[in-house]
Amino acid sequence: MLPHNTVVVVADGHSASIFRNVARHGIELVQMETVTPASLSDPATMPVLDEISPRDEEEAGFAAQLTRHLNKMVLKHKMEDVAIIADPSSLGVMRKHYHKELQLRLRKEVAKTLTNSDIPAIQNALA
């Protein structure tokens, strides 16, 4: 069971949707924002990744930038609890960049590609 106001991040290597659980009991997600590489892009903070294809590098770079965005949200007290749903590759990259505070607030991780899914499918994956 996810606590009320949990931030739910649904991501892949190209984009992420950020939801908030508005239900007091159970799960009822409301979308807050969509994050894309362009909305996070800061060339100075782009990670350097060796020995991978340009496409994989782009996807891993987005996952790392997204995680930094989530770390900032936690450190600025913009979320108390978080659940992350991401494709296995992106989730692996994200885990390497979790801040300790984000790790403490992480309520659930789901290694699944659900970025093009509807809200009921996302809610079912969290149930």
C-alpha atoms as a PDB file:
ATOM      1  CA  MET A   1       0.000   0.000   0.000  1.00  0.00           C
ATOM      2  CA  LEU A   2       1.388   3.381  -0.981  1.00  0.00           C
ATOM      3  CA  PRO A   3       1.007   6.227   1.514  1.00  0.00           C
ATOM      4  CA  HIS A   4      -1.143   9.243   0.623  1.00  0.00           C
ATOM      5  CA  ASN A   5       0.827  11.838  -1.413  1.00  0.00           C
ATOM      6  CA  THR A   6       3.448   9.334  -2.603  1.00  0.00           C
ATOM      7  CA  VAL A   7       5.147  10.566  -5.773  1.00  0.00           C
ATOM      8  CA  VAL A   8       5.086   7.880  -8.469  1.00  0.00           C
ATOM      9  CA  VAL A   9       7.645   8.122 -11.273  1.00  0.00           C
ATOM     10  CA  VAL A  10       7.024   6.108 -14.460  1.00  0.00           C
ATOM     11  CA  ALA A  11      10.103   6.269 -16.683  1.00  0.00           C
ATOM     12  CA  ASP A  12      12.036   4.813 -19.561  1.00  0.00           C
ATOM     13  CA  GLY A  13      15.126   6.060 -21.372  1.00  0.00           C
ATOM     14  CA  HIS A  14      13.185   8.766 -23.221  1.00  0.00           C
ATOM     15  CA  SER A  15      10.680  10.348 -20.846  1.00  0.00           C
ATOM     16  CA  ALA A  16       9.051  10.152 -17.456  1.00  0.00           C
ATOM     17  CA  SER A  17       5.639  10.921 -16.057  1.00  0.00           C
ATOM     18  CA  ILE A  18       5.378  11.986 -12.453  1.00  0.00           C
ATOM     19  CA  PHE A  19       2.159  11.281 -10.577  1.00  0.00           C
ATOM     20  CA  ARG A  20       0.947  11.813  -7.025  1.00  0.00           C
ATOM     21  CA  ASN A  21      -1.192   9.328  -5.099  1.00  0.00           C
ATOM     22  CA  VAL A  22      -4.202  11.365  -3.945  1.00  0.00           C
ATOM     23  CA  ALA A  23      -6.064   8.473  -2.298  1.00  0.00           C
ATOM     24  CA  ARG A  24      -6.159   8.300   1.497  1.00  0.00           C
ATOM     25  CA  HIS A  25      -6.549   4.515   1.230  1.00  0.00           C
ATOM     26  CA  GLY A  26      -5.467   2.634  -1.864  1.00  0.00           C
ATOM     27  CA  ILE A  27      -4.061   4.127  -5.039  1.00  0.00           C
ATOM     28  CA  GLU A  28      -5.498   6.952  -7.133  1.00  0.00           C
ATOM     29  CA  LEU A  29      -2.901   8.643  -9.321  1.00  0.00           C
ATOM     30  CA  VAL A  30      -3.028  12.186 -10.682  1.00  0.00           C
ATOM     31  CA  GLN A  31      -0.373  13.285 -13.178  1.00  0.00           C
ATOM     32  CA  MET A  32       1.787  16.205 -12.012  1.00  0.00           C
ATOM     33  CA  GLU A  33       4.375  16.615 -14.779  1.00  0.00           C
ATOM     34  CA  THR A  34       6.066  15.049 -17.769  1.00  0.00           C
ATOM     35  CA  VAL A  35       9.859  15.071 -17.846  1.00  0.00           C
ATOM     36  CA  THR A  36      11.841  14.831 -21.090  1.00  0.00           C
ATOM     37  CA  PRO A  37      15.555  15.071 -21.866  1.00  0.00           C
ATOM     38  CA  ALA A  38      14.973  18.659 -23.054  1.00  0.00           C
ATOM     39  CA  SER A  39      13.330  19.669 -19.768  1.00  0.00           C
ATOM     40  CA  LEU A  40      16.304  18.331 -17.807  1.00  0.00           C
ATOM     41  CA  SER A  41      19.125  19.177 -20.188  1.00  0.00           C
ATOM     42  CA  ASP A  42      22.150  20.859 -18.737  1.00  0.00           C
ATOM     43  CA  PRO A  43      25.249  19.951 -20.765  1.00  0.00           C
ATOM     44  CA  ALA A  44      27.482  20.615 -17.763  1.00  0.00           C
ATOM     45  CA  THR A  45      25.815  17.805 -15.810  1.00  0.00           C
ATOM     46  CA  MET A  46      25.600  15.224 -18.590  1.00  0.00           C
ATOM     47  CA  PRO A  47      27.266  12.026 -17.405  1.00  0.00           C
ATOM     48  CA  VAL A  48      30.103  10.599 -19.471  1.00  0.00           C
ATOM     49  CA  LEU A  49      29.468   6.956 -20.243  1.00  0.00           C
ATOM     50  CA  ASP A  50      32.131   4.822 -21.913  1.00  0.00           C
ATOM     51  CA  GLU A  51      31.804   1.839 -24.225  1.00  0.00           C
ATOM     52  CA  ILE A  52      28.100   1.972 -25.024  1.00  0.00           C
ATOM     53  CA  SER A  53      26.159   2.857 -28.157  1.00  0.00           C
ATOM     54  CA  PRO A  54      24.981   6.461 -28.654  1.00  0.00           C
ATOM     55  CA  ARG A  55      21.349   5.421 -28.157  1.00  0.00           C
ATOM     56  CA  ASP A  56      22.134   3.539 -24.931  1.00  0.00           C
ATOM     57  CA  GLU A  57      24.245   6.487 -23.788  1.00  0.00           C
ATOM     58  CA  GLU A  58      21.342   8.873 -24.433  1.00  0.00           C
ATOM     59  CA  GLU A  59      18.928   6.656 -22.481  1.00  0.00           C
ATOM     60  CA  ALA A  60      21.350   6.137 -19.591  1.00  0.00           C
ATOM     61  CA  GLY A  61      22.086   9.860 -19.526  1.00  0.00           C
ATOM     62  CA  PHE A  62      18.378  10.651 -19.237  1.00  0.00           C
ATOM     63  CA  ALA A  63      17.942   8.092 -16.433  1.00  0.00           C
ATOM     64  CA  ALA A  64      20.872   9.652 -14.526  1.00  0.00           C
ATOM     65  CA  GLN A  65      19.523  13.199 -15.049  1.00  0.00           C
ATOM     66  CA  LEU A  66      16.035  12.129 -13.977  1.00  0.00           C
ATOM     67  CA  THR A  67      17.457  10.617 -10.800  1.00  0.00           C
ATOM     68  CA  ARG A  68      19.306  13.860 -10.028  1.00  0.00           C
ATOM     69  CA  HIS A  69      15.975  15.694 -10.513  1.00  0.00           C
ATOM     70  CA  LEU A  70      14.302  13.296  -8.043  1.00  0.00           C
ATOM     71  CA  ASN A  71      17.191  13.681  -5.581  1.00  0.00           C
ATOM     72  CA  LYS A  72      16.690  17.467  -5.654  1.00  0.00           C
ATOM     73  CA  MET A  73      12.944  17.061  -5.080  1.00  0.00           C
ATOM     74  CA  VAL A  74      13.616  14.910  -2.005  1.00  0.00           C
ATOM     75  CA  LEU A  75      16.306  17.235  -0.643  1.00  0.00           C
ATOM     76  CA  LYS A  76      13.994  20.254  -1.101  1.00  0.00           C
ATOM     77  CA  HIS A  77      11.238  18.364   0.785  1.00  0.00           C
ATOM     78  CA  LYS A  78       8.930  18.275  -2.247  1.00  0.00           C
ATOM     79  CA  MET A  79       8.145  14.609  -1.626  1.00  0.00           C
ATOM     80  CA  GLU A  80       8.022  12.397   1.424  1.00  0.00           C
ATOM     81  CA  ASP A  81       7.529   9.035  -0.279  1.00  0.00           C
ATOM     82  CA  VAL A  82       8.388   7.857  -3.784  1.00  0.00           C
ATOM     83  CA  ALA A  83       7.701   4.831  -5.977  1.00  0.00           C
ATOM     84  CA  ILE A  84       9.611   4.271  -9.208  1.00  0.00           C
ATOM     85  CA  ILE A  85       8.479   2.219 -12.197  1.00  0.00           C
ATOM     86  CA  ALA A  86      11.057   2.019 -14.980  1.00  0.00           C
ATOM     87  CA  ASP A  87      12.277  -0.354 -17.635  1.00  0.00           C
ATOM     88  CA  PRO A  88      14.973  -2.646 -16.178  1.00  0.00           C
ATOM     89  CA  SER A  89      17.857  -0.885 -17.962  1.00  0.00           C
ATOM     90  CA  SER A  90      16.832   2.613 -16.835  1.00  0.00           C
ATOM     91  CA  LEU A  91      16.093   1.396 -13.312  1.00  0.00           C
ATOM     92  CA  GLY A  92      19.602  -0.075 -13.102  1.00  0.00           C
ATOM     93  CA  VAL A  93      21.136   3.281 -14.065  1.00  0.00           C
ATOM     94  CA  MET A  94      18.835   5.162 -11.695  1.00  0.00           C
ATOM     95  CA  ARG A  95      19.801   2.986  -8.706  1.00  0.00           C
ATOM     96  CA  LYS A  96      23.455   3.988  -9.158  1.00  0.00           C
ATOM     97  CA  HIS A  97      22.491   7.655  -8.720  1.00  0.00           C
ATOM     98  CA  TYR A  98      20.024   7.474  -5.810  1.00  0.00           C
ATOM     99  CA  HIS A  99      20.882   9.899  -2.997  1.00  0.00           C
ATOM    100  CA  LYS A 100      20.733   8.303   0.453  1.00  0.00           C
ATOM    101  CA  GLU A 101      17.708  10.446   1.293  1.00  0.00           C
ATOM    102  CA  LEU A 102      15.900   9.180  -1.831  1.00  0.00           C
ATOM    103  CA  GLN A 103      16.719   5.597  -0.836  1.00  0.00           C
ATOM    104  CA  LEU A 104      15.159   6.205   2.589  1.00  0.00           C
ATOM    105  CA  ARG A 105      11.936   7.495   1.017  1.00  0.00           C
ATOM    106  CA  LEU A 106      11.677   4.814  -1.686  1.00  0.00           C
ATOM    107  CA  ARG A 107       8.533   2.778  -1.004  1.00  0.00           C
ATOM    108  CA  LYS A 108       8.458   0.623  -4.129  1.00  0.00           C
ATOM    109  CA  GLU A 109      10.400  -0.142  -7.305  1.00  0.00           C
ATOM    110  CA  VAL A 110       8.927  -1.960 -10.295  1.00  0.00           C
ATOM    111  CA  ALA A 111      11.188  -3.024 -13.175  1.00  0.00           C
ATOM    112  CA  LYS A 112       8.673  -2.758 -16.001  1.00  0.00           C
ATOM    113  CA  THR A 113       8.102  -0.552 -19.049  1.00  0.00           C
ATOM    114  CA  LEU A 114       4.837   1.288 -18.425  1.00  0.00           C
ATOM    115  CA  THR A 115       5.504   4.746 -19.895  1.00  0.00           C
ATOM    116  CA  ASN A 116       2.819   4.334 -22.574  1.00  0.00           C
ATOM    117  CA  SER A 117       0.327   2.697 -20.224  1.00  0.00           C
ATOM    118  CA  ASP A 118      -2.855   4.209 -18.870  1.00  0.00           C
ATOM    119  CA  ILE A 119      -3.305   5.150 -15.213  1.00  0.00           C
ATOM    120  CA  PRO A 120      -5.252   1.964 -14.285  1.00  0.00           C
ATOM    121  CA  ALA A 121      -2.373  -0.202 -15.595  1.00  0.00           C
ATOM    122  CA  ILE A 122       0.127   1.820 -13.560  1.00  0.00           C
ATOM    123  CA  GLN A 123      -2.067   1.597 -10.459  1.00  0.00           C
ATOM    124  CA  ASN A 124      -2.309  -2.199 -10.933  1.00  0.00           C
ATOM    125  CA  ALA A 125       1.490  -2.498 -11.155  1.00  0.00           C
ATOM    126  CA  LEU A 126       1.734  -0.726  -7.795  1.00  0.00           C
ATOM    127  CA  ALA A 127      -0.990  -2.737  -6.059  1.00  0.00           C
END
